[in-house]
Amino acid sequence: MTTLLEGDYVAHVGHRFVGMHAGYTRLPGLMELAGDLRGVRVQLPDGTIRVASEHRLEKTDAAEYGRYAASIGVVPRARKPATRAGRV
């Protein structure tokens, strides 16, 4: 199993959408599969967020993200580097 990190490009195996890993959610009503305890927030090239099961996502690359963006008629925005808040 490949570990997916925030900021990684991901593709959904079943629904075939591609986006960027934008964190996690634990809201039960948003889970894709009944047994999921957390879902991955995936930001699509048009800016919308979809929630997917970690088990149905695979890591992909920027080229695949660009092809998906073009297929839905969106010019992908420049990727911002992932930043994590540190403890003070």
Protein backbone atom coordinates (compact mmCIF):
# COMPACT_ATOMS: atom_id res chain seq x y z
CA MET A 1 0.00 0.00 0.00
CA THR A 2 1.35 3.41 -0.98
CA THR A 3 1.08 6.16 1.60
CA LEU A 4 -0.70 9.21 0.24
CA LEU A 5 0.33 12.57 1.62
CA GLU A 6 -1.34 15.95 1.50
CA GLY A 7 -0.38 17.67 -1.76
CA ASP A 8 0.09 14.41 -3.73
CA TYR A 9 -1.69 13.96 -7.04
CA VAL A 10 -4.26 11.16 -6.74
CA ALA A 11 -6.62 9.31 -9.10
CA HIS A 12 -9.82 7.56 -8.08
CA VAL A 13 -9.82 3.97 -9.31
CA GLY A 14 -13.59 3.68 -9.84
CA HIS A 15 -14.80 7.17 -10.76
CA ARG A 16 -11.62 8.07 -12.70
CA PHE A 17 -11.31 11.63 -11.43
CA VAL A 18 -7.86 13.09 -10.73
CA GLY A 19 -7.01 15.76 -8.19
CA MET A 20 -4.75 16.79 -5.34
CA HIS A 21 -4.88 15.30 -1.85
CA ALA A 22 -6.25 18.16 0.27
CA GLY A 23 -6.40 16.56 3.70
CA TYR A 24 -8.83 14.31 5.53
CA THR A 25 -12.35 14.43 6.90
CA ARG A 26 -13.97 12.33 9.59
CA LEU A 27 -17.57 13.43 9.01
CA PRO A 28 -19.56 10.17 8.77
CA GLY A 29 -22.04 11.52 6.23
CA LEU A 30 -19.28 12.20 3.69
CA MET A 31 -17.67 8.74 3.69
CA GLU A 32 -17.61 6.89 0.38
CA LEU A 33 -17.63 3.39 1.90
CA ALA A 34 -19.72 2.33 4.89
CA GLY A 35 -16.74 1.11 7.00
CA ASP A 36 -14.47 4.13 6.44
CA LEU A 37 -13.38 6.06 9.52
CA ARG A 38 -11.87 8.91 7.52
CA GLY A 39 -12.06 10.07 3.93
CA VAL A 40 -9.55 11.86 1.73
CA ARG A 41 -10.52 15.31 0.52
CA VAL A 42 -9.54 15.51 -3.17
CA GLN A 43 -9.39 18.95 -4.79
CA LEU A 44 -10.21 18.69 -8.49
CA PRO A 45 -8.62 21.02 -11.08
CA ASP A 46 -11.75 23.21 -11.12
CA GLY A 47 -11.44 23.80 -7.36
CA THR A 48 -14.28 21.54 -6.19
CA ILE A 49 -13.68 19.06 -3.39
CA ARG A 50 -14.73 15.40 -3.52
CA VAL A 51 -14.34 12.94 -0.68
CA ALA A 52 -12.98 9.49 -1.53
CA SER A 53 -12.03 6.36 0.35
CA GLU A 54 -8.28 5.97 0.89
CA HIS A 55 -8.62 2.43 -0.46
CA ARG A 56 -9.91 3.63 -3.84
CA LEU A 57 -7.17 6.18 -4.53
CA GLU A 58 -3.84 5.67 -6.20
CA LYS A 59 -0.90 8.04 -6.47
CA THR A 60 -0.42 9.64 -9.90
CA ASP A 61 1.65 12.44 -11.42
CA ALA A 62 1.29 16.02 -12.67
CA ALA A 63 0.97 14.88 -16.30
CA GLU A 64 -2.13 12.78 -15.52
CA TYR A 65 -3.56 15.69 -13.51
CA GLY A 66 -3.03 18.00 -16.51
CA ARG A 67 -4.67 15.54 -18.92
CA TYR A 68 -7.71 15.22 -16.65
CA ALA A 69 -7.94 19.02 -16.29
CA ALA A 70 -7.87 19.41 -20.08
CA SER A 71 -10.54 16.72 -20.48
CA ILE A 72 -12.95 18.68 -18.27
CA GLY A 73 -12.03 22.01 -19.92
CA VAL A 74 -10.04 23.53 -17.06
CA VAL A 75 -6.61 25.14 -17.22
CA PRO A 76 -4.84 23.85 -14.09
CA ARG A 77 -3.60 26.48 -11.69
CA ALA A 78 0.02 26.52 -10.59
CA ARG A 79 0.63 24.10 -7.76
CA LYS A 80 1.44 25.69 -4.45
CA PRO A 81 3.95 23.83 -2.30
CA ALA A 82 2.40 22.06 0.68
CA THR A 83 3.09 23.79 3.96
CA ARG A 84 2.48 22.38 7.37
CA ALA A 85 1.99 24.44 10.47
CA GLY A 86 4.65 23.84 13.07
CA ARG A 87 4.31 23.85 16.80
CA VAL A 88 5.55 26.87 18.71
